[in-house]
Amino acid sequence: MITIRSILFNLLFYLNLVTLLIAAIPTLVMPRRAIIGMAKVWGRTTLWLLRVVCGISVEWRGLEKIPPGGVLIAAKHQSAWETFALLTQLPDPTFVVKRELTWIPFFGWYAKHGGMIPVDRGAGKSALTGMMAHARKALAEGRQIIIFPEGTRRAAGAEPKYKFGVAHLYAEAGVPCVPVALNSGLFWPRRRFLRFSGTITVEFLDPIPPGLERNEFFAKLQEEIETATGRLIAEGGRR
């Protein structure tokens, strides 16, 4: 049954994605918020498909802790799930993304128009300079910058590998950073097509105020995300 549900979900997921990519073409000549609105439709419809087809629901915790206006959202990254689900809970989100993603037809066009923040991972210090230029613009517009501090997906329970770029962004941005823990990898495993029924839990933790020294912030962020994520994984496993 899990295999059948997973196959059906994946077929509907890509059908929905292609349909919305085509439907979103007019937004390329509309204000930026139009494409953000379409991205949220993608997120909500995909969450609906997961609930109806795969029996995967979501519990959101701590949404009231997100400060208004420009803020950093540093989230654990276990699967593709959070790339669309987090969009649905923030008023004007943007992602820090690999520059290569902006080269993909349609997706890349929408990412650029939506004000996503590209990072050239091979450019060293100059990559941070370019990232900050985009980030300052986004924060000045009151947007929520979502960054995955590990840079890539890590399986649920895998040893964390945080990258220091998030500390540079925090130090230069001068805004609060909200850590986010989750257990999505238990139900949407990394690099697998199977989807397991259950409840994905996402927890927005207490904001880390601006002004900490970079190393202090980096250690605090990792400790808080990993501690809460470990608790959510254990909780999801018991369910």
Protein backbone atom coordinates (compact mmCIF):
# COMPACT_ATOMS: atom_id res chain seq x y z
CA MET A 1 0.00 0.00 0.00
CA ILE A 2 2.84 2.41 0.83
CA THR A 3 4.39 1.79 -2.58
CA ILE A 4 1.11 2.35 -4.44
CA ARG A 5 0.37 5.53 -2.51
CA SER A 6 3.90 6.81 -3.08
CA ILE A 7 3.74 6.18 -6.83
CA LEU A 8 0.36 7.92 -7.07
CA PHE A 9 1.60 10.86 -5.03
CA ASN A 10 4.72 11.30 -7.14
CA LEU A 11 2.68 11.26 -10.36
CA LEU A 12 0.27 13.86 -8.98
CA PHE A 13 3.13 15.90 -7.48
CA TYR A 14 4.87 16.35 -10.83
CA LEU A 15 1.59 16.87 -12.70
CA ASN A 16 0.68 19.61 -10.23
CA LEU A 17 4.15 21.14 -10.49
CA VAL A 18 4.14 21.25 -14.29
CA THR A 19 0.61 22.68 -14.33
CA LEU A 20 1.57 25.46 -11.94
CA LEU A 21 4.83 26.21 -13.78
CA ILE A 22 2.79 26.84 -16.92
CA ALA A 23 0.06 28.75 -15.09
CA ALA A 24 2.68 31.00 -13.50
CA ILE A 25 4.11 32.29 -16.79
CA PRO A 26 2.05 35.54 -16.65
CA THR A 27 3.59 36.36 -13.26
CA LEU A 28 6.92 37.05 -14.99
CA VAL A 29 5.51 40.41 -16.07
CA MET A 30 3.69 41.05 -12.79
CA PRO A 31 4.96 42.34 -9.42
CA ARG A 32 7.17 39.97 -7.46
CA ARG A 33 4.46 39.04 -4.97
CA ALA A 34 2.51 37.34 -7.75
CA ILE A 35 5.11 34.59 -8.17
CA ILE A 36 5.44 34.27 -4.39
CA GLY A 37 1.69 33.74 -4.29
CA MET A 38 1.96 30.99 -6.91
CA ALA A 39 4.76 29.36 -4.91
CA LYS A 40 2.49 29.28 -1.89
CA VAL A 41 -0.26 27.68 -3.97
CA TRP A 42 2.29 24.99 -4.93
CA GLY A 43 3.13 24.46 -1.27
CA ARG A 44 -0.48 24.25 -0.12
CA THR A 45 -1.60 21.92 -2.91
CA THR A 46 1.37 19.62 -2.30
CA LEU A 47 0.61 19.48 1.43
CA TRP A 48 -2.99 18.63 0.52
CA LEU A 49 -1.83 15.82 -1.78
CA LEU A 50 0.42 14.43 0.93
CA ARG A 51 -2.44 14.40 3.42
CA VAL A 52 -5.03 12.89 1.09
CA VAL A 53 -2.86 10.40 -0.83
CA CYS A 54 -0.15 9.48 1.66
CA GLY A 55 -1.74 10.20 5.02
CA ILE A 56 0.96 12.72 5.97
CA SER A 57 -0.26 15.65 8.05
CA VAL A 58 1.68 18.56 9.57
CA GLU A 59 1.89 20.05 13.05
CA TRP A 60 3.29 23.58 13.18
CA ARG A 61 4.67 24.76 16.50
CA GLY A 62 5.96 28.16 17.57
CA LEU A 63 4.72 30.22 14.63
CA GLU A 64 3.97 33.02 17.06
CA LYS A 65 7.71 33.31 17.76
CA ILE A 66 8.50 34.65 14.27
CA PRO A 67 9.22 38.39 14.57
CA PRO A 68 7.51 40.73 12.09
CA GLY A 69 9.48 42.18 9.21
CA GLY A 70 12.91 41.19 7.99
CA VAL A 71 14.28 38.09 9.74
CA LEU A 72 16.48 35.05 9.14
CA ILE A 73 14.88 31.60 9.26
CA ALA A 74 17.59 28.92 9.73
CA ALA A 75 15.97 25.52 9.17
CA LYS A 76 17.05 21.92 9.42
CA HIS A 77 17.04 20.32 5.95
CA GLN A 78 16.11 16.62 5.79
CA SER A 79 14.12 16.37 2.56
CA ALA A 80 12.56 18.28 -0.31
CA TRP A 81 9.48 18.77 1.87
CA GLU A 82 10.65 21.94 3.62
CA THR A 83 11.48 23.66 0.32
CA PHE A 84 7.76 24.11 -0.35
CA ALA A 85 6.13 23.66 3.06
CA LEU A 86 7.90 26.55 4.82
CA LEU A 87 6.65 28.92 2.11
CA THR A 88 3.09 28.47 3.31
CA GLN A 89 3.76 29.84 6.80
CA LEU A 90 5.65 33.06 6.05
CA PRO A 91 4.22 36.32 4.66
CA ASP A 92 6.97 37.18 2.14
CA PRO A 93 9.64 34.46 2.09
CA THR A 94 12.79 34.10 0.03
CA PHE A 95 15.40 31.33 -0.05
CA VAL A 96 19.17 31.29 -0.14
CA VAL A 97 19.74 28.92 -3.10
CA LYS A 98 22.58 27.48 -5.12
CA ARG A 99 23.28 29.72 -8.11
CA GLU A 100 22.96 26.72 -10.43
CA LEU A 101 19.25 26.44 -9.60
CA THR A 102 18.62 29.82 -11.23
CA TRP A 103 19.84 28.39 -14.55
CA ILE A 104 16.99 25.87 -14.76
CA PRO A 105 14.32 26.89 -17.32
CA PHE A 106 11.08 28.12 -15.75
CA PHE A 107 12.19 27.40 -12.18
CA GLY A 108 15.21 29.65 -12.54
CA TRP A 109 13.16 32.42 -14.17
CA TYR A 110 10.67 32.33 -11.31
CA ALA A 111 13.43 32.18 -8.70
CA LYS A 112 15.06 35.32 -10.10
CA HIS A 113 11.76 37.16 -10.43
CA GLY A 114 10.79 36.10 -6.90
CA GLY A 115 13.97 37.62 -5.51
CA MET A 116 15.64 34.39 -4.39
CA ILE A 117 19.20 34.85 -3.09
CA PRO A 118 21.74 32.97 -5.27
CA VAL A 119 25.07 31.76 -3.88
CA ASP A 120 28.05 30.70 -5.99
CA ARG A 121 29.54 28.05 -3.73
CA GLY A 122 32.78 27.98 -5.66
CA ALA A 123 33.46 31.71 -5.44
CA GLY A 124 34.83 31.83 -1.88
CA LYS A 125 34.61 35.19 -0.09
CA SER A 126 33.14 36.94 -3.11
CA ALA A 127 30.14 34.61 -2.85
CA LEU A 128 29.41 36.03 0.61
CA THR A 129 29.63 39.57 -0.75
CA GLY A 130 27.11 38.83 -3.47
CA MET A 131 24.82 36.98 -1.08
CA MET A 132 24.81 39.89 1.36
CA ALA A 133 23.92 42.41 -1.33
CA HIS A 134 20.79 40.40 -2.15
CA ALA A 135 20.08 39.71 1.52
CA ARG A 136 20.20 43.37 2.54
CA LYS A 137 17.71 44.22 -0.21
CA ALA A 138 15.36 41.44 0.93
CA LEU A 139 15.57 42.45 4.59
CA ALA A 140 14.96 46.11 3.70
CA GLU A 141 11.74 44.94 2.05
CA GLY A 142 10.73 43.16 5.26
CA ARG A 143 11.17 39.66 3.86
CA GLN A 144 11.93 36.40 5.67
CA ILE A 145 15.18 34.83 4.44
CA ILE A 146 15.12 31.03 4.67
CA ILE A 147 18.54 29.41 4.81
CA PHE A 148 19.49 25.78 5.33
CA PRO A 149 22.70 26.02 7.42
CA GLU A 150 23.94 22.60 6.31
CA GLY A 151 23.62 23.61 2.67
CA THR A 152 22.10 20.30 1.59
CA ARG A 153 19.73 17.61 2.79
CA ARG A 154 20.85 15.37 5.64
CA ALA A 155 18.97 12.18 6.51
CA ALA A 156 17.01 12.14 9.76
CA GLY A 157 19.45 11.28 12.53
CA ALA A 158 22.57 11.79 10.39
CA GLU A 159 25.57 13.60 11.86
CA PRO A 160 25.09 17.34 11.27
CA LYS A 161 27.46 19.30 9.03
CA TYR A 162 26.75 23.00 9.43
CA LYS A 163 28.48 25.54 7.21
CA PHE A 164 29.77 28.83 8.61
CA GLY A 165 28.06 30.91 5.92
CA VAL A 166 24.96 31.23 8.10
CA ALA A 167 27.08 32.95 10.79
CA HIS A 168 28.41 35.46 8.26
CA LEU A 169 24.87 36.18 7.09
CA TYR A 170 23.67 36.63 10.68
CA ALA A 171 26.56 38.96 11.60
CA GLU A 172 26.08 41.17 8.55
CA ALA A 173 22.28 41.19 8.54
CA GLY A 174 21.78 42.59 12.04
CA VAL A 175 18.36 40.98 12.46
CA PRO A 176 17.02 38.13 14.64
CA CYS A 177 17.49 34.53 13.50
CA VAL A 178 14.76 31.97 14.14
CA PRO A 179 16.06 28.37 14.36
CA VAL A 180 13.72 25.73 12.94
CA ALA A 181 13.73 22.04 13.90
CA LEU A 182 11.75 19.35 12.09
CA ASN A 183 11.44 15.62 11.44
CA SER A 184 10.31 15.57 7.78
CA GLY A 185 12.98 13.01 6.88
CA LEU A 186 11.06 10.31 8.74
CA PHE A 187 8.12 10.59 6.34
CA TRP A 188 9.70 12.00 3.12
CA PRO A 189 13.14 10.31 3.19
CA ARG A 190 16.05 11.85 1.36
CA ARG A 191 16.63 10.36 -2.13
CA ARG A 192 13.75 7.88 -1.87
CA PHE A 193 10.38 7.93 -3.61
CA LEU A 194 8.50 6.31 -0.73
CA ARG A 195 6.28 8.51 1.46
CA PHE A 196 5.38 7.18 4.92
CA SER A 197 2.17 8.17 6.69
CA GLY A 198 2.34 10.11 9.94
CA THR A 199 2.64 13.65 11.23
CA ILE A 200 5.57 15.88 10.27
CA THR A 201 6.34 18.26 13.12
CA VAL A 202 7.97 21.64 12.52
CA GLU A 203 9.03 23.75 15.49
CA PHE A 204 10.05 27.39 15.29
CA LEU A 205 12.35 28.00 18.27
CA ASP A 206 13.03 31.17 20.24
CA PRO A 207 14.65 33.84 18.03
CA ILE A 208 18.36 34.44 18.52
CA PRO A 209 18.73 38.22 18.85
CA PRO A 210 21.28 40.08 16.71
CA GLY A 211 24.63 41.07 18.14
CA LEU A 212 26.23 37.77 19.17
CA GLU A 213 29.80 37.06 18.09
CA ARG A 214 29.87 34.79 15.02
CA ASN A 215 31.33 31.71 16.68
CA GLU A 216 28.99 32.06 19.64
CA PHE A 217 25.99 32.35 17.33
CA PHE A 218 27.14 29.41 15.21
CA ALA A 219 27.49 27.13 18.24
CA LYS A 220 24.18 28.26 19.73
CA LEU A 221 22.28 27.80 16.46
CA GLN A 222 23.57 24.28 15.92
CA GLU A 223 22.94 23.23 19.50
CA GLU A 224 19.38 24.52 19.53
CA ILE A 225 18.39 23.06 16.15
CA GLU A 226 20.00 19.68 16.78
CA THR A 227 18.62 19.32 20.31
CA ALA A 228 15.07 20.11 19.20
CA THR A 229 15.38 18.02 16.03
CA GLY A 230 16.54 15.01 18.02
CA ARG A 231 13.50 15.39 20.27
CA LEU A 232 11.14 15.63 17.28
CA ILE A 233 12.68 12.58 15.59
CA ALA A 234 12.22 10.55 18.77
CA GLU A 235 8.65 11.84 19.06
CA GLY A 236 7.90 10.96 15.43
CA GLY A 237 9.34 7.51 15.88
CA ARG A 238 7.09 6.82 18.87
CA ARG A 239 4.04 7.89 16.87
